[in-house]
Amino acid sequence: MWDRESIYTVIMPTITTLGYELVGIECHVNHKNSLLRVYIDSDLGITVDDCENISHQVSALLDVEKPNMGSYTLEVSSPGLDRPLFTKAHYVRFIANDISITLYESLDGQKKLKGLLKAVLEDEIVIVVTGKDFQIPLSNIKKARLVPKIN
């Protein structure tokens, strides 16, 4: 069964024990071959070898703990420059950075917004888009990523 929270709960202890941060996971389920993308990070950065090591560990763990997931492809990746934001703590960490978000329900007729992350409230973020503040409930954010800074 594909339940992102239960998959996260199963793999998180192993990843942290190996010295990595589990940034988040994405599940893209379809009837032929689903995709499980796992984002990891560390203070030293992430190498291809790190991704390969975690891939082997996670794959073996899911085979034992979640045997009914069916056919899927596992991708392990660093968060990259356009780092995905999954948790409230991620938003707090990246206040004053530009972010791009996709919403479940449109706001002022828009489902995609890009702007400056101004603040994180109890269960909302405040993003400034072309000079206007938008308060967006975390529950309405489908996907969020940092916008890489170009020097």
N, C-alpha and C. Protein backbone atom coordinates (compact mmCIF):
# COMPACT_ATOMS: atom_id res chain seq x y z
N MET A 1 0.84 -1.20 0.00
CA MET A 1 0.00 0.00 0.00
C MET A 1 0.88 1.25 0.00
N TRP A 2 0.54 2.21 -0.85
CA TRP A 2 1.30 3.45 -0.97
C TRP A 2 0.74 4.51 -0.05
N ASP A 3 1.38 4.68 1.07
CA ASP A 3 1.04 5.72 2.02
C ASP A 3 2.33 6.45 2.36
N ARG A 4 2.47 7.68 1.89
CA ARG A 4 3.72 8.42 2.03
C ARG A 4 4.18 8.50 3.48
N GLU A 5 3.27 8.75 4.40
CA GLU A 5 3.66 8.88 5.80
C GLU A 5 4.19 7.56 6.36
N SER A 6 3.56 6.44 6.01
CA SER A 6 4.05 5.17 6.54
C SER A 6 5.38 4.78 5.91
N ILE A 7 5.59 5.10 4.64
CA ILE A 7 6.88 4.85 3.99
C ILE A 7 7.95 5.69 4.67
N TYR A 8 7.65 6.95 4.91
CA TYR A 8 8.58 7.86 5.59
C TYR A 8 8.97 7.29 6.95
N THR A 9 7.97 6.84 7.70
CA THR A 9 8.20 6.29 9.04
C THR A 9 9.09 5.04 8.99
N VAL A 10 8.91 4.22 7.96
CA VAL A 10 9.70 2.99 7.83
C VAL A 10 11.16 3.30 7.49
N ILE A 11 11.41 4.24 6.58
CA ILE A 11 12.78 4.45 6.10
C ILE A 11 13.58 5.48 6.89
N MET A 12 12.92 6.40 7.57
CA MET A 12 13.60 7.49 8.25
C MET A 12 14.64 7.02 9.27
N PRO A 13 14.34 6.06 10.17
CA PRO A 13 15.35 5.66 11.16
C PRO A 13 16.63 5.12 10.52
N THR A 14 16.51 4.35 9.47
CA THR A 14 17.69 3.79 8.80
C THR A 14 18.52 4.90 8.16
N ILE A 15 17.87 5.82 7.50
CA ILE A 15 18.60 6.91 6.84
C ILE A 15 19.32 7.79 7.85
N THR A 16 18.66 8.12 8.95
CA THR A 16 19.32 8.96 9.96
C THR A 16 20.44 8.20 10.68
N THR A 17 20.25 6.90 10.90
CA THR A 17 21.30 6.09 11.52
C THR A 17 22.55 6.06 10.65
N LEU A 18 22.37 6.11 9.35
CA LEU A 18 23.51 6.10 8.42
C LEU A 18 24.15 7.49 8.28
N GLY A 19 23.61 8.49 9.00
CA GLY A 19 24.22 9.81 9.02
C GLY A 19 23.67 10.82 8.02
N TYR A 20 22.49 10.54 7.49
CA TYR A 20 21.88 11.44 6.51
C TYR A 20 20.60 12.04 7.05
N GLU A 21 20.19 13.14 6.45
CA GLU A 21 18.88 13.74 6.73
C GLU A 21 17.92 13.25 5.65
N LEU A 22 16.77 12.76 6.08
CA LEU A 22 15.71 12.45 5.12
C LEU A 22 14.92 13.73 4.90
N VAL A 23 15.17 14.38 3.78
CA VAL A 23 14.53 15.66 3.48
C VAL A 23 13.05 15.46 3.22
N GLY A 24 12.71 14.42 2.46
CA GLY A 24 11.31 14.14 2.15
C GLY A 24 11.22 13.08 1.07
N ILE A 25 9.98 12.69 0.80
CA ILE A 25 9.75 11.71 -0.25
C ILE A 25 8.59 12.16 -1.12
N GLU A 26 8.63 11.73 -2.36
CA GLU A 26 7.53 11.93 -3.30
C GLU A 26 7.08 10.57 -3.79
N CYS A 27 5.79 10.37 -3.84
CA CYS A 27 5.22 9.12 -4.36
C CYS A 27 4.37 9.46 -5.58
N HIS A 28 4.68 8.86 -6.69
CA HIS A 28 3.90 9.01 -7.91
C HIS A 28 3.40 7.62 -8.28
N VAL A 29 2.15 7.37 -7.98
CA VAL A 29 1.59 6.03 -8.14
C VAL A 29 0.81 5.94 -9.44
N ASN A 30 1.08 4.87 -10.20
CA ASN A 30 0.25 4.54 -11.35
C ASN A 30 0.13 3.02 -11.43
N HIS A 31 -0.69 2.55 -12.32
CA HIS A 31 -1.01 1.12 -12.35
C HIS A 31 0.10 0.25 -12.93
N LYS A 32 1.04 0.81 -13.69
CA LYS A 32 2.10 -0.01 -14.28
C LYS A 32 3.37 -0.01 -13.43
N ASN A 33 3.98 1.14 -13.28
CA ASN A 33 5.23 1.23 -12.53
C ASN A 33 5.26 2.55 -11.79
N SER A 34 5.12 2.51 -10.50
CA SER A 34 5.10 3.72 -9.69
C SER A 34 6.52 4.21 -9.42
N LEU A 35 6.62 5.44 -8.94
CA LEU A 35 7.91 6.05 -8.64
C LEU A 35 7.93 6.50 -7.18
N LEU A 36 8.98 6.10 -6.48
CA LEU A 36 9.23 6.58 -5.13
C LEU A 36 10.54 7.35 -5.18
N ARG A 37 10.46 8.66 -4.94
CA ARG A 37 11.66 9.51 -4.96
C ARG A 37 11.98 9.89 -3.52
N VAL A 38 13.20 9.62 -3.10
CA VAL A 38 13.66 9.90 -1.74
C VAL A 38 14.76 10.95 -1.81
N TYR A 39 14.58 12.06 -1.09
CA TYR A 39 15.57 13.12 -1.05
C TYR A 39 16.36 13.03 0.26
N ILE A 40 17.69 12.98 0.13
CA ILE A 40 18.55 12.92 1.31
C ILE A 40 19.55 14.07 1.27
N ASP A 41 20.09 14.41 2.43
CA ASP A 41 21.09 15.46 2.51
C ASP A 41 22.02 15.16 3.67
N SER A 42 23.16 15.84 3.69
CA SER A 42 24.09 15.77 4.81
C SER A 42 24.91 17.05 4.83
N ASP A 43 25.57 17.29 5.94
CA ASP A 43 26.41 18.49 6.06
C ASP A 43 27.55 18.48 5.05
N LEU A 44 27.96 17.29 4.61
CA LEU A 44 29.06 17.15 3.67
C LEU A 44 28.60 17.14 2.21
N GLY A 45 27.29 17.26 2.00
CA GLY A 45 26.75 17.15 0.66
C GLY A 45 26.45 15.70 0.33
N ILE A 46 25.95 15.46 -0.86
CA ILE A 46 25.55 14.11 -1.28
C ILE A 46 26.27 13.74 -2.56
N THR A 47 26.82 12.52 -2.58
CA THR A 47 27.49 12.00 -3.76
C THR A 47 26.64 10.90 -4.39
N VAL A 48 27.05 10.47 -5.56
CA VAL A 48 26.38 9.36 -6.23
C VAL A 48 26.49 8.10 -5.37
N ASP A 49 27.64 7.90 -4.73
CA ASP A 49 27.82 6.74 -3.85
C ASP A 49 26.85 6.78 -2.67
N ASP A 50 26.62 7.97 -2.12
CA ASP A 50 25.65 8.11 -1.02
C ASP A 50 24.26 7.67 -1.49
N CYS A 51 23.87 8.14 -2.66
CA CYS A 51 22.56 7.80 -3.22
C CYS A 51 22.44 6.30 -3.45
N GLU A 52 23.50 5.70 -3.98
CA GLU A 52 23.50 4.26 -4.25
C GLU A 52 23.38 3.47 -2.95
N ASN A 53 24.13 3.86 -1.93
CA ASN A 53 24.09 3.19 -0.64
C ASN A 53 22.68 3.26 -0.03
N ILE A 54 22.11 4.44 -0.02
CA ILE A 54 20.76 4.61 0.55
C ILE A 54 19.74 3.85 -0.29
N SER A 55 19.90 3.84 -1.59
CA SER A 55 18.98 3.11 -2.47
C SER A 55 18.95 1.63 -2.11
N HIS A 56 20.11 1.02 -1.92
CA HIS A 56 20.17 -0.40 -1.55
C HIS A 56 19.51 -0.64 -0.20
N GLN A 57 19.79 0.23 0.76
CA GLN A 57 19.24 0.07 2.10
C GLN A 57 17.71 0.22 2.10
N VAL A 58 17.23 1.27 1.43
CA VAL A 58 15.79 1.54 1.40
C VAL A 58 15.05 0.44 0.64
N SER A 59 15.60 0.01 -0.47
CA SER A 59 14.97 -1.04 -1.26
C SER A 59 14.81 -2.31 -0.44
N ALA A 60 15.87 -2.73 0.24
CA ALA A 60 15.81 -3.94 1.07
C ALA A 60 14.82 -3.77 2.21
N LEU A 61 14.82 -2.61 2.82
CA LEU A 61 13.91 -2.34 3.94
C LEU A 61 12.45 -2.38 3.50
N LEU A 62 12.15 -1.76 2.35
CA LEU A 62 10.76 -1.75 1.86
C LEU A 62 10.30 -3.14 1.43
N ASP A 63 11.22 -3.94 0.90
CA ASP A 63 10.86 -5.31 0.52
C ASP A 63 10.37 -6.09 1.74
N VAL A 64 10.96 -5.83 2.89
CA VAL A 64 10.59 -6.53 4.13
C VAL A 64 9.38 -5.88 4.80
N GLU A 65 9.43 -4.55 4.96
CA GLU A 65 8.42 -3.83 5.75
C GLU A 65 7.14 -3.48 4.98
N LYS A 66 7.23 -3.30 3.68
CA LYS A 66 6.08 -2.89 2.87
C LYS A 66 6.01 -3.77 1.62
N PRO A 67 5.82 -5.08 1.78
CA PRO A 67 5.91 -6.00 0.64
C PRO A 67 4.80 -5.83 -0.41
N ASN A 68 3.73 -5.12 -0.11
CA ASN A 68 2.60 -5.00 -1.03
C ASN A 68 2.62 -3.71 -1.85
N MET A 69 3.80 -3.15 -2.07
CA MET A 69 3.87 -1.90 -2.82
C MET A 69 3.78 -2.12 -4.33
N GLY A 70 3.91 -3.35 -4.79
CA GLY A 70 3.85 -3.61 -6.21
C GLY A 70 5.12 -3.18 -6.91
N SER A 71 5.04 -3.01 -8.21
CA SER A 71 6.20 -2.63 -9.01
C SER A 71 6.43 -1.12 -8.89
N TYR A 72 7.69 -0.77 -8.59
CA TYR A 72 8.01 0.65 -8.48
C TYR A 72 9.48 0.88 -8.79
N THR A 73 9.79 2.11 -9.15
CA THR A 73 11.16 2.54 -9.35
C THR A 73 11.53 3.42 -8.16
N LEU A 74 12.68 3.15 -7.58
CA LEU A 74 13.18 3.94 -6.46
C LEU A 74 14.28 4.87 -6.96
N GLU A 75 14.11 6.16 -6.69
CA GLU A 75 15.15 7.15 -7.00
C GLU A 75 15.59 7.79 -5.69
N VAL A 76 16.88 7.86 -5.46
CA VAL A 76 17.42 8.56 -4.30
C VAL A 76 18.24 9.71 -4.83
N SER A 77 18.00 10.90 -4.28
CA SER A 77 18.60 12.11 -4.84
C SER A 77 18.94 13.11 -3.74
N SER A 78 19.88 13.99 -4.05
CA SER A 78 20.10 15.15 -3.19
C SER A 78 18.96 16.14 -3.48
N PRO A 79 18.71 17.07 -2.58
CA PRO A 79 17.63 18.04 -2.83
C PRO A 79 17.93 18.99 -3.98
N GLY A 80 19.20 19.21 -4.29
CA GLY A 80 19.57 20.09 -5.39
C GLY A 80 19.38 21.56 -5.06
N LEU A 81 19.69 22.41 -6.03
CA LEU A 81 19.57 23.85 -5.84
C LEU A 81 18.12 24.29 -5.72
N ASP A 82 17.22 23.59 -6.41
CA ASP A 82 15.79 23.90 -6.33
C ASP A 82 15.14 22.98 -5.30
N ARG A 83 15.72 22.96 -4.13
CA ARG A 83 15.37 22.08 -3.02
C ARG A 83 13.86 22.06 -2.77
N PRO A 84 13.27 20.87 -2.68
CA PRO A 84 11.85 20.79 -2.32
C PRO A 84 11.66 21.09 -0.83
N LEU A 85 10.54 21.70 -0.53
CA LEU A 85 10.19 22.01 0.86
C LEU A 85 9.00 21.14 1.25
N PHE A 86 9.19 20.33 2.28
CA PHE A 86 8.15 19.39 2.68
C PHE A 86 7.51 19.74 4.02
N THR A 87 8.28 20.32 4.94
CA THR A 87 7.79 20.50 6.31
C THR A 87 7.79 21.97 6.71
N LYS A 88 7.10 22.26 7.78
CA LYS A 88 7.09 23.62 8.32
C LYS A 88 8.51 24.07 8.66
N ALA A 89 9.32 23.14 9.20
CA ALA A 89 10.71 23.46 9.54
C ALA A 89 11.50 23.86 8.30
N HIS A 90 11.21 23.25 7.15
CA HIS A 90 11.89 23.64 5.91
C HIS A 90 11.56 25.08 5.55
N TYR A 91 10.29 25.46 5.68
CA TYR A 91 9.90 26.84 5.37
C TYR A 91 10.59 27.81 6.32
N VAL A 92 10.63 27.48 7.60
CA VAL A 92 11.29 28.35 8.58
C VAL A 92 12.76 28.53 8.21
N ARG A 93 13.41 27.44 7.84
CA ARG A 93 14.84 27.46 7.50
C ARG A 93 15.13 28.37 6.30
N PHE A 94 14.17 28.49 5.39
CA PHE A 94 14.42 29.22 4.16
C PHE A 94 13.62 30.53 4.04
N ILE A 95 13.23 31.10 5.18
CA ILE A 95 12.63 32.44 5.17
C ILE A 95 13.62 33.40 4.50
N ALA A 96 13.09 34.34 3.75
CA ALA A 96 13.85 35.36 3.01
C ALA A 96 14.46 34.80 1.73
N ASN A 97 14.01 33.63 1.29
CA ASN A 97 14.42 33.07 0.01
C ASN A 97 13.23 33.06 -0.93
N ASP A 98 13.51 33.07 -2.23
CA ASP A 98 12.44 32.94 -3.22
C ASP A 98 12.01 31.49 -3.31
N ILE A 99 10.71 31.27 -3.39
CA ILE A 99 10.16 29.93 -3.54
C ILE A 99 9.12 29.91 -4.65
N SER A 100 8.90 28.73 -5.16
CA SER A 100 7.87 28.49 -6.16
C SER A 100 6.93 27.45 -5.57
N ILE A 101 5.63 27.73 -5.60
CA ILE A 101 4.68 26.80 -5.01
C ILE A 101 3.54 26.49 -5.98
N THR A 102 3.02 25.28 -5.83
CA THR A 102 1.83 24.86 -6.54
C THR A 102 0.78 24.55 -5.49
N LEU A 103 -0.42 25.06 -5.71
CA LEU A 103 -1.49 24.92 -4.72
C LEU A 103 -2.50 23.86 -5.14
N TYR A 104 -3.17 23.28 -4.15
CA TYR A 104 -4.29 22.38 -4.43
C TYR A 104 -5.49 23.19 -4.92
N GLU A 105 -5.79 24.30 -4.21
CA GLU A 105 -6.91 25.17 -4.56
C GLU A 105 -6.37 26.54 -4.94
N SER A 106 -6.88 27.10 -6.01
CA SER A 106 -6.34 28.36 -6.51
C SER A 106 -6.55 29.51 -5.53
N LEU A 107 -5.67 30.49 -5.64
CA LEU A 107 -5.70 31.70 -4.83
C LEU A 107 -5.65 32.87 -5.80
N ASP A 108 -6.66 33.72 -5.77
CA ASP A 108 -6.77 34.82 -6.73
C ASP A 108 -6.66 34.30 -8.17
N GLY A 109 -7.25 33.12 -8.42
CA GLY A 109 -7.26 32.55 -9.76
C GLY A 109 -5.97 31.88 -10.18
N GLN A 110 -5.03 31.73 -9.26
CA GLN A 110 -3.74 31.12 -9.59
C GLN A 110 -3.47 29.89 -8.74
N LYS A 111 -2.91 28.87 -9.37
CA LYS A 111 -2.49 27.68 -8.64
C LYS A 111 -0.98 27.63 -8.49
N LYS A 112 -0.25 28.45 -9.26
CA LYS A 112 1.21 28.50 -9.17
C LYS A 112 1.63 29.91 -8.82
N LEU A 113 2.48 30.01 -7.79
CA LEU A 113 2.97 31.31 -7.35
C LEU A 113 4.47 31.23 -7.15
N LYS A 114 5.14 32.35 -7.41
CA LYS A 114 6.58 32.45 -7.16
C LYS A 114 6.82 33.78 -6.49
N GLY A 115 7.54 33.74 -5.37
CA GLY A 115 7.81 34.97 -4.65
C GLY A 115 8.71 34.76 -3.46
N LEU A 116 8.85 35.79 -2.66
CA LEU A 116 9.72 35.78 -1.49
C LEU A 116 8.98 35.20 -0.29
N LEU A 117 9.58 34.19 0.34
CA LEU A 117 9.01 33.63 1.57
C LEU A 117 9.29 34.61 2.70
N LYS A 118 8.25 35.27 3.17
CA LYS A 118 8.39 36.35 4.14
C LYS A 118 8.30 35.86 5.58
N ALA A 119 7.38 34.92 5.84
CA ALA A 119 7.17 34.48 7.22
C ALA A 119 6.50 33.11 7.24
N VAL A 120 6.64 32.46 8.38
CA VAL A 120 5.94 31.20 8.63
C VAL A 120 5.15 31.39 9.91
N LEU A 121 3.84 31.21 9.80
CA LEU A 121 2.95 31.35 10.95
C LEU A 121 2.60 29.96 11.47
N GLU A 122 1.61 29.87 12.33
CA GLU A 122 1.24 28.59 12.94
C GLU A 122 1.00 27.50 11.91
N ASP A 123 0.11 27.77 10.96
CA ASP A 123 -0.19 26.75 9.94
C ASP A 123 -0.28 27.38 8.55
N GLU A 124 0.44 28.49 8.36
CA GLU A 124 0.45 29.21 7.09
C GLU A 124 1.84 29.75 6.81
N ILE A 125 2.06 30.04 5.53
CA ILE A 125 3.25 30.81 5.16
C ILE A 125 2.77 32.14 4.58
N VAL A 126 3.65 33.11 4.60
CA VAL A 126 3.39 34.39 3.95
C VAL A 126 4.42 34.53 2.84
N ILE A 127 3.91 34.69 1.62
CA ILE A 127 4.77 34.84 0.45
C ILE A 127 4.44 36.17 -0.22
N VAL A 128 5.47 36.89 -0.63
CA VAL A 128 5.29 38.18 -1.30
C VAL A 128 5.46 37.96 -2.80
N VAL A 129 4.38 38.23 -3.54
CA VAL A 129 4.38 38.09 -4.99
C VAL A 129 4.08 39.45 -5.59
N THR A 130 5.02 39.96 -6.36
CA THR A 130 4.93 41.30 -6.97
C THR A 130 4.39 42.35 -5.99
N GLY A 131 5.01 42.38 -4.80
CA GLY A 131 4.68 43.40 -3.80
C GLY A 131 3.45 43.13 -2.95
N LYS A 132 2.75 42.04 -3.19
CA LYS A 132 1.53 41.73 -2.45
C LYS A 132 1.75 40.50 -1.57
N ASP A 133 1.35 40.61 -0.29
CA ASP A 133 1.46 39.48 0.64
C ASP A 133 0.30 38.52 0.46
N PHE A 134 0.64 37.23 0.41
CA PHE A 134 -0.36 36.17 0.37
C PHE A 134 -0.13 35.26 1.57
N GLN A 135 -1.19 35.02 2.35
CA GLN A 135 -1.12 34.04 3.43
C GLN A 135 -1.70 32.75 2.88
N ILE A 136 -0.87 31.69 2.90
CA ILE A 136 -1.27 30.43 2.29
C ILE A 136 -1.20 29.32 3.34
N PRO A 137 -2.31 28.65 3.58
CA PRO A 137 -2.28 27.53 4.52
C PRO A 137 -1.35 26.43 4.02
N LEU A 138 -0.56 25.87 4.93
CA LEU A 138 0.34 24.77 4.55
C LEU A 138 -0.43 23.62 3.93
N SER A 139 -1.66 23.41 4.39
CA SER A 139 -2.49 22.32 3.86
C SER A 139 -2.91 22.53 2.40
N ASN A 140 -2.78 23.76 1.89
CA ASN A 140 -3.12 24.04 0.50
C ASN A 140 -1.91 23.96 -0.44
N ILE A 141 -0.73 23.68 0.11
CA ILE A 141 0.47 23.62 -0.72
C ILE A 141 0.68 22.19 -1.20
N LYS A 142 0.57 22.02 -2.51
CA LYS A 142 0.77 20.71 -3.12
C LYS A 142 2.26 20.42 -3.29
N LYS A 143 3.02 21.42 -3.74
CA LYS A 143 4.45 21.28 -3.98
C LYS A 143 5.10 22.63 -3.79
N ALA A 144 6.29 22.62 -3.18
CA ALA A 144 7.06 23.86 -2.99
C ALA A 144 8.54 23.58 -3.20
N ARG A 145 9.21 24.53 -3.83
CA ARG A 145 10.65 24.40 -4.08
C ARG A 145 11.31 25.77 -3.94
N LEU A 146 12.58 25.74 -3.56
CA LEU A 146 13.37 26.95 -3.59
C LEU A 146 13.60 27.35 -5.05
N VAL A 147 13.70 28.63 -5.28
CA VAL A 147 14.10 29.13 -6.60
C VAL A 147 15.59 29.41 -6.49
N PRO A 148 16.41 28.72 -7.28
CA PRO A 148 17.87 28.90 -7.18
C PRO A 148 18.27 30.36 -7.43
N LYS A 149 19.25 30.81 -6.64
CA LYS A 149 19.79 32.15 -6.84
C LYS A 149 20.81 32.11 -7.94
N ILE A 150 20.68 33.03 -8.88
CA ILE A 150 21.63 33.12 -9.98
C ILE A 150 22.51 34.33 -9.70
N ASN A 151 23.79 34.10 -9.59
CA ASN A 151 24.72 35.20 -9.27
C ASN A 151 25.19 35.91 -10.51
